[in-house]
Amino acid sequence: MKVATIFGVLLVLLVIIYSLYVASIERHNATIFFAPVANFKVFITAQNLFFEKDLDLNGIKDYALNLETLQKNGLIQGFSESGIKGVNTSWLAGGPYQLYQYRIFIPGGANQKEAWACEAHPIEDPSDRYYYVDQTGIIRVEHGKVANSSSAAIEK
């Protein structure tokens, strides 16, 4: 009877530990999933401020060409050139907890006054989610391939 009780207690403890482990993995995955979305919201706001306030002082309401310009104008912080081996340094990488590279660019055929776009590519797992946002503010996602303006929208 005592062996059965001890076994039962150990089994309950293992189930509790496993449940906590699974919950921590789910929280971690949710954080990774929402990090690009949160950063995109910051970039959308920063680009809108850059546009409205003409922060490049060229007399034209236009968008910043890259994240570095937004940072230099005090609209975003914590972004710096990536020094990660094998990562294209023309991208700017967020903190190491975010596991994504970000790049703002002007889509083909558009000019700085009309449009901007930003991509987030996973650093570690190319089969993971890729994100895209542009001046419309619609955040788009693809799984395992680069997202673009035609990808599924996840949020506005």
C-alpha atoms as a PDB file:
ATOM      1  CA  MET A   1       0.000   0.000   0.000  1.00  0.00           C
ATOM      2  CA  LYS A   2       2.832   2.421   0.828  1.00  0.00           C
ATOM      3  CA  VAL A   3       4.585   1.722  -2.498  1.00  0.00           C
ATOM      4  CA  ALA A   4       1.378   2.505  -4.376  1.00  0.00           C
ATOM      5  CA  THR A   5       0.951   5.757  -2.434  1.00  0.00           C
ATOM      6  CA  ILE A   6       4.545   6.830  -3.047  1.00  0.00           C
ATOM      7  CA  PHE A   7       4.188   5.946  -6.726  1.00  0.00           C
ATOM      8  CA  GLY A   8       0.937   7.929  -6.894  1.00  0.00           C
ATOM      9  CA  VAL A   9       2.549  10.994  -5.299  1.00  0.00           C
ATOM     10  CA  LEU A  10       5.528  10.772  -7.653  1.00  0.00           C
ATOM     11  CA  LEU A  11       3.195  10.461 -10.618  1.00  0.00           C
ATOM     12  CA  VAL A  12       1.241  13.557  -9.538  1.00  0.00           C
ATOM     13  CA  LEU A  13       4.495  15.495  -9.093  1.00  0.00           C
ATOM     14  CA  LEU A  14       5.693  14.448 -12.565  1.00  0.00           C
ATOM     15  CA  VAL A  15       2.391  15.546 -14.100  1.00  0.00           C
ATOM     16  CA  ILE A  16       2.640  18.940 -12.368  1.00  0.00           C
ATOM     17  CA  ILE A  17       6.273  19.430 -13.446  1.00  0.00           C
ATOM     18  CA  TYR A  18       5.436  18.431 -17.024  1.00  0.00           C
ATOM     19  CA  SER A  19       2.450  20.811 -17.075  1.00  0.00           C
ATOM     20  CA  LEU A  20       4.637  23.697 -15.885  1.00  0.00           C
ATOM     21  CA  TYR A  21       7.251  22.832 -18.521  1.00  0.00           C
ATOM     22  CA  VAL A  22       4.663  22.802 -21.320  1.00  0.00           C
ATOM     23  CA  ALA A  23       3.193  26.102 -20.096  1.00  0.00           C
ATOM     24  CA  SER A  24       6.639  27.738 -20.104  1.00  0.00           C
ATOM     25  CA  ILE A  25       7.274  26.553 -23.674  1.00  0.00           C
ATOM     26  CA  GLU A  26       3.894  27.944 -24.771  1.00  0.00           C
ATOM     27  CA  ARG A  27       4.674  31.314 -23.136  1.00  0.00           C
ATOM     28  CA  HIS A  28       8.096  31.374 -24.815  1.00  0.00           C
ATOM     29  CA  ASN A  29       6.584  30.564 -28.226  1.00  0.00           C
ATOM     30  CA  ALA A  30       3.916  33.237 -27.773  1.00  0.00           C
ATOM     31  CA  THR A  31       6.621  35.785 -26.908  1.00  0.00           C
ATOM     32  CA  ILE A  32       8.579  34.906 -30.039  1.00  0.00           C
ATOM     33  CA  PHE A  33       5.412  35.018 -32.152  1.00  0.00           C
ATOM     34  CA  PHE A  34       4.349  38.450 -30.890  1.00  0.00           C
ATOM     35  CA  ALA A  35       7.788  40.145 -30.758  1.00  0.00           C
ATOM     36  CA  PRO A  36       7.736  41.092 -34.482  1.00  0.00           C
ATOM     37  CA  VAL A  37       4.127  42.280 -34.187  1.00  0.00           C
ATOM     38  CA  ALA A  38       5.018  44.542 -31.262  1.00  0.00           C
ATOM     39  CA  ASN A  39       8.111  45.860 -33.065  1.00  0.00           C
ATOM     40  CA  PHE A  40       6.098  46.505 -36.228  1.00  0.00           C
ATOM     41  CA  LYS A  41       3.642  48.636 -34.224  1.00  0.00           C
ATOM     42  CA  VAL A  42       6.596  50.718 -33.036  1.00  0.00           C
ATOM     43  CA  PHE A  43       7.912  51.014 -36.614  1.00  0.00           C
ATOM     44  CA  ILE A  44       4.470  52.054 -37.929  1.00  0.00           C
ATOM     45  CA  THR A  45       4.229  54.810 -35.317  1.00  0.00           C
ATOM     46  CA  ALA A  46       7.834  55.890 -35.935  1.00  0.00           C
ATOM     47  CA  GLN A  47       7.349  56.052 -39.718  1.00  0.00           C
ATOM     48  CA  ASN A  48       4.131  58.049 -39.314  1.00  0.00           C
ATOM     49  CA  LEU A  49       5.899  60.534 -37.021  1.00  0.00           C
ATOM     50  CA  PHE A  50       8.870  60.775 -39.389  1.00  0.00           C
ATOM     51  CA  PHE A  51       6.457  61.455 -42.272  1.00  0.00           C
ATOM     52  CA  GLU A  52       4.289  64.014 -40.466  1.00  0.00           C
ATOM     53  CA  LYS A  53       7.148  65.960 -38.837  1.00  0.00           C
ATOM     54  CA  ASP A  54       9.505  65.920 -41.856  1.00  0.00           C
ATOM     55  CA  LEU A  55      12.360  64.853 -39.604  1.00  0.00           C
ATOM     56  CA  ASP A  56      14.875  64.702 -42.444  1.00  0.00           C
ATOM     57  CA  LEU A  57      14.141  68.430 -42.974  1.00  0.00           C
ATOM     58  CA  ASN A  58      13.976  68.143 -46.762  1.00  0.00           C
ATOM     59  CA  GLY A  59      10.664  69.999 -47.018  1.00  0.00           C
ATOM     60  CA  ILE A  60       8.900  66.843 -48.253  1.00  0.00           C
ATOM     61  CA  LYS A  61       6.657  64.571 -46.252  1.00  0.00           C
ATOM     62  CA  ASP A  62       8.374  61.236 -46.804  1.00  0.00           C
ATOM     63  CA  TYR A  63       9.297  58.054 -44.941  1.00  0.00           C
ATOM     64  CA  ALA A  64      12.599  56.979 -43.408  1.00  0.00           C
ATOM     65  CA  LEU A  65      14.615  54.732 -45.695  1.00  0.00           C
ATOM     66  CA  ASN A  66      15.845  52.439 -42.919  1.00  0.00           C
ATOM     67  CA  LEU A  67      15.725  51.659 -39.213  1.00  0.00           C
ATOM     68  CA  GLU A  68      18.991  53.466 -38.600  1.00  0.00           C
ATOM     69  CA  THR A  69      17.374  56.745 -39.719  1.00  0.00           C
ATOM     70  CA  LEU A  70      14.490  56.190 -37.320  1.00  0.00           C
ATOM     71  CA  GLN A  71      16.969  55.503 -34.520  1.00  0.00           C
ATOM     72  CA  LYS A  72      19.101  58.572 -35.306  1.00  0.00           C
ATOM     73  CA  ASN A  73      15.938  60.700 -35.094  1.00  0.00           C
ATOM     74  CA  GLY A  74      15.067  59.280 -31.670  1.00  0.00           C
ATOM     75  CA  LEU A  75      11.960  57.426 -32.856  1.00  0.00           C
ATOM     76  CA  ILE A  76      13.162  53.929 -31.980  1.00  0.00           C
ATOM     77  CA  GLN A  77      15.858  52.654 -29.676  1.00  0.00           C
ATOM     78  CA  GLY A  78      17.706  49.448 -29.003  1.00  0.00           C
ATOM     79  CA  PHE A  79      18.412  48.594 -32.625  1.00  0.00           C
ATOM     80  CA  SER A  80      21.950  48.303 -33.914  1.00  0.00           C
ATOM     81  CA  GLU A  81      23.770  46.664 -36.786  1.00  0.00           C
ATOM     82  CA  SER A  82      23.858  42.926 -36.421  1.00  0.00           C
ATOM     83  CA  GLY A  83      27.186  41.289 -35.809  1.00  0.00           C
ATOM     84  CA  ILE A  84      25.804  37.757 -35.908  1.00  0.00           C
ATOM     85  CA  LYS A  85      27.913  35.452 -38.063  1.00  0.00           C
ATOM     86  CA  GLY A  86      26.159  34.604 -41.324  1.00  0.00           C
ATOM     87  CA  VAL A  87      23.595  37.383 -40.959  1.00  0.00           C
ATOM     88  CA  ASN A  88      23.486  40.110 -43.585  1.00  0.00           C
ATOM     89  CA  THR A  89      24.561  43.277 -41.747  1.00  0.00           C
ATOM     90  CA  SER A  90      22.406  45.496 -43.958  1.00  0.00           C
ATOM     91  CA  TRP A  91      19.570  44.236 -41.723  1.00  0.00           C
ATOM     92  CA  LEU A  92      19.126  45.584 -38.247  1.00  0.00           C
ATOM     93  CA  ALA A  93      18.574  43.060 -35.497  1.00  0.00           C
ATOM     94  CA  GLY A  94      16.509  43.508 -32.373  1.00  0.00           C
ATOM     95  CA  GLY A  95      17.532  42.185 -29.014  1.00  0.00           C
ATOM     96  CA  PRO A  96      18.728  38.589 -28.815  1.00  0.00           C
ATOM     97  CA  TYR A  97      15.424  37.499 -27.260  1.00  0.00           C
ATOM     98  CA  GLN A  98      13.510  38.380 -30.391  1.00  0.00           C
ATOM     99  CA  LEU A  99      15.240  36.007 -32.816  1.00  0.00           C
ATOM    100  CA  TYR A 100      14.334  38.165 -35.818  1.00  0.00           C
ATOM    101  CA  GLN A 101      16.138  40.505 -38.213  1.00  0.00           C
ATOM    102  CA  TYR A 102      14.299  43.618 -39.376  1.00  0.00           C
ATOM    103  CA  ARG A 103      14.699  45.689 -42.503  1.00  0.00           C
ATOM    104  CA  ILE A 104      12.823  48.775 -43.674  1.00  0.00           C
ATOM    105  CA  PHE A 105      12.889  49.449 -47.404  1.00  0.00           C
ATOM    106  CA  ILE A 106      11.082  51.234 -50.206  1.00  0.00           C
ATOM    107  CA  PRO A 107       9.119  48.709 -52.299  1.00  0.00           C
ATOM    108  CA  GLY A 108      10.026  48.446 -55.985  1.00  0.00           C
ATOM    109  CA  GLY A 109       8.481  51.136 -58.157  1.00  0.00           C
ATOM    110  CA  ALA A 110       7.480  53.309 -55.217  1.00  0.00           C
ATOM    111  CA  ASN A 111       9.206  56.391 -53.933  1.00  0.00           C
ATOM    112  CA  GLN A 112       9.916  57.564 -50.421  1.00  0.00           C
ATOM    113  CA  LYS A 113       6.834  59.803 -50.386  1.00  0.00           C
ATOM    114  CA  GLU A 114       4.389  57.031 -51.229  1.00  0.00           C
ATOM    115  CA  ALA A 115       5.358  53.869 -49.454  1.00  0.00           C
ATOM    116  CA  TRP A 116       7.603  51.934 -47.116  1.00  0.00           C
ATOM    117  CA  ALA A 117       7.731  48.319 -46.005  1.00  0.00           C
ATOM    118  CA  CYS A 118       9.424  46.289 -43.297  1.00  0.00           C
ATOM    119  CA  GLU A 119      10.281  42.612 -43.157  1.00  0.00           C
ATOM    120  CA  ALA A 120      11.139  40.441 -40.176  1.00  0.00           C
ATOM    121  CA  HIS A 121      13.044  37.247 -40.928  1.00  0.00           C
ATOM    122  CA  PRO A 122      13.763  34.558 -38.323  1.00  0.00           C
ATOM    123  CA  ILE A 123      17.471  34.340 -37.502  1.00  0.00           C
ATOM    124  CA  GLU A 124      17.666  30.735 -36.334  1.00  0.00           C
ATOM    125  CA  ASP A 125      14.935  28.684 -38.020  1.00  0.00           C
ATOM    126  CA  PRO A 126      14.128  29.400 -41.693  1.00  0.00           C
ATOM    127  CA  SER A 127      10.978  27.272 -41.392  1.00  0.00           C
ATOM    128  CA  ASP A 128       9.590  29.689 -38.807  1.00  0.00           C
ATOM    129  CA  ARG A 129       7.255  32.666 -39.353  1.00  0.00           C
ATOM    130  CA  TYR A 130       8.225  35.600 -41.592  1.00  0.00           C
ATOM    131  CA  TYR A 131       6.491  38.958 -41.144  1.00  0.00           C
ATOM    132  CA  TYR A 132       5.775  41.965 -43.371  1.00  0.00           C
ATOM    133  CA  VAL A 133       4.189  45.370 -42.803  1.00  0.00           C
ATOM    134  CA  ASP A 134       3.921  48.471 -44.956  1.00  0.00           C
ATOM    135  CA  GLN A 135       2.440  51.968 -44.805  1.00  0.00           C
ATOM    136  CA  THR A 136      -1.085  50.477 -44.645  1.00  0.00           C
ATOM    137  CA  GLY A 137      -0.319  49.193 -41.135  1.00  0.00           C
ATOM    138  CA  ILE A 138      -1.520  45.685 -42.014  1.00  0.00           C
ATOM    139  CA  ILE A 139       0.816  43.087 -40.522  1.00  0.00           C
ATOM    140  CA  ARG A 140       1.188  39.978 -42.664  1.00  0.00           C
ATOM    141  CA  VAL A 141       2.751  36.583 -42.008  1.00  0.00           C
ATOM    142  CA  GLU A 142       4.006  33.512 -43.875  1.00  0.00           C
ATOM    143  CA  HIS A 143       5.237  30.242 -42.454  1.00  0.00           C
ATOM    144  CA  GLY A 144       8.536  29.039 -43.910  1.00  0.00           C
ATOM    145  CA  LYS A 145       8.824  31.682 -46.644  1.00  0.00           C
ATOM    146  CA  VAL A 146       9.273  35.437 -46.950  1.00  0.00           C
ATOM    147  CA  ALA A 147       6.092  37.411 -46.314  1.00  0.00           C
ATOM    148  CA  ASN A 148       4.972  40.203 -48.650  1.00  0.00           C
ATOM    149  CA  SER A 149       2.013  42.487 -49.350  1.00  0.00           C
ATOM    150  CA  SER A 150      -0.034  39.513 -50.557  1.00  0.00           C
ATOM    151  CA  SER A 151       0.524  37.354 -47.464  1.00  0.00           C
ATOM    152  CA  ALA A 152      -2.219  36.595 -44.960  1.00  0.00           C
ATOM    153  CA  ALA A 153      -3.042  39.518 -42.673  1.00  0.00           C
ATOM    154  CA  ILE A 154      -2.872  38.856 -38.952  1.00  0.00           C
ATOM    155  CA  GLU A 155      -3.664  42.283 -37.559  1.00  0.00           C
ATOM    156  CA  LYS A 156      -4.236  45.901 -38.476  1.00  0.00           C
END
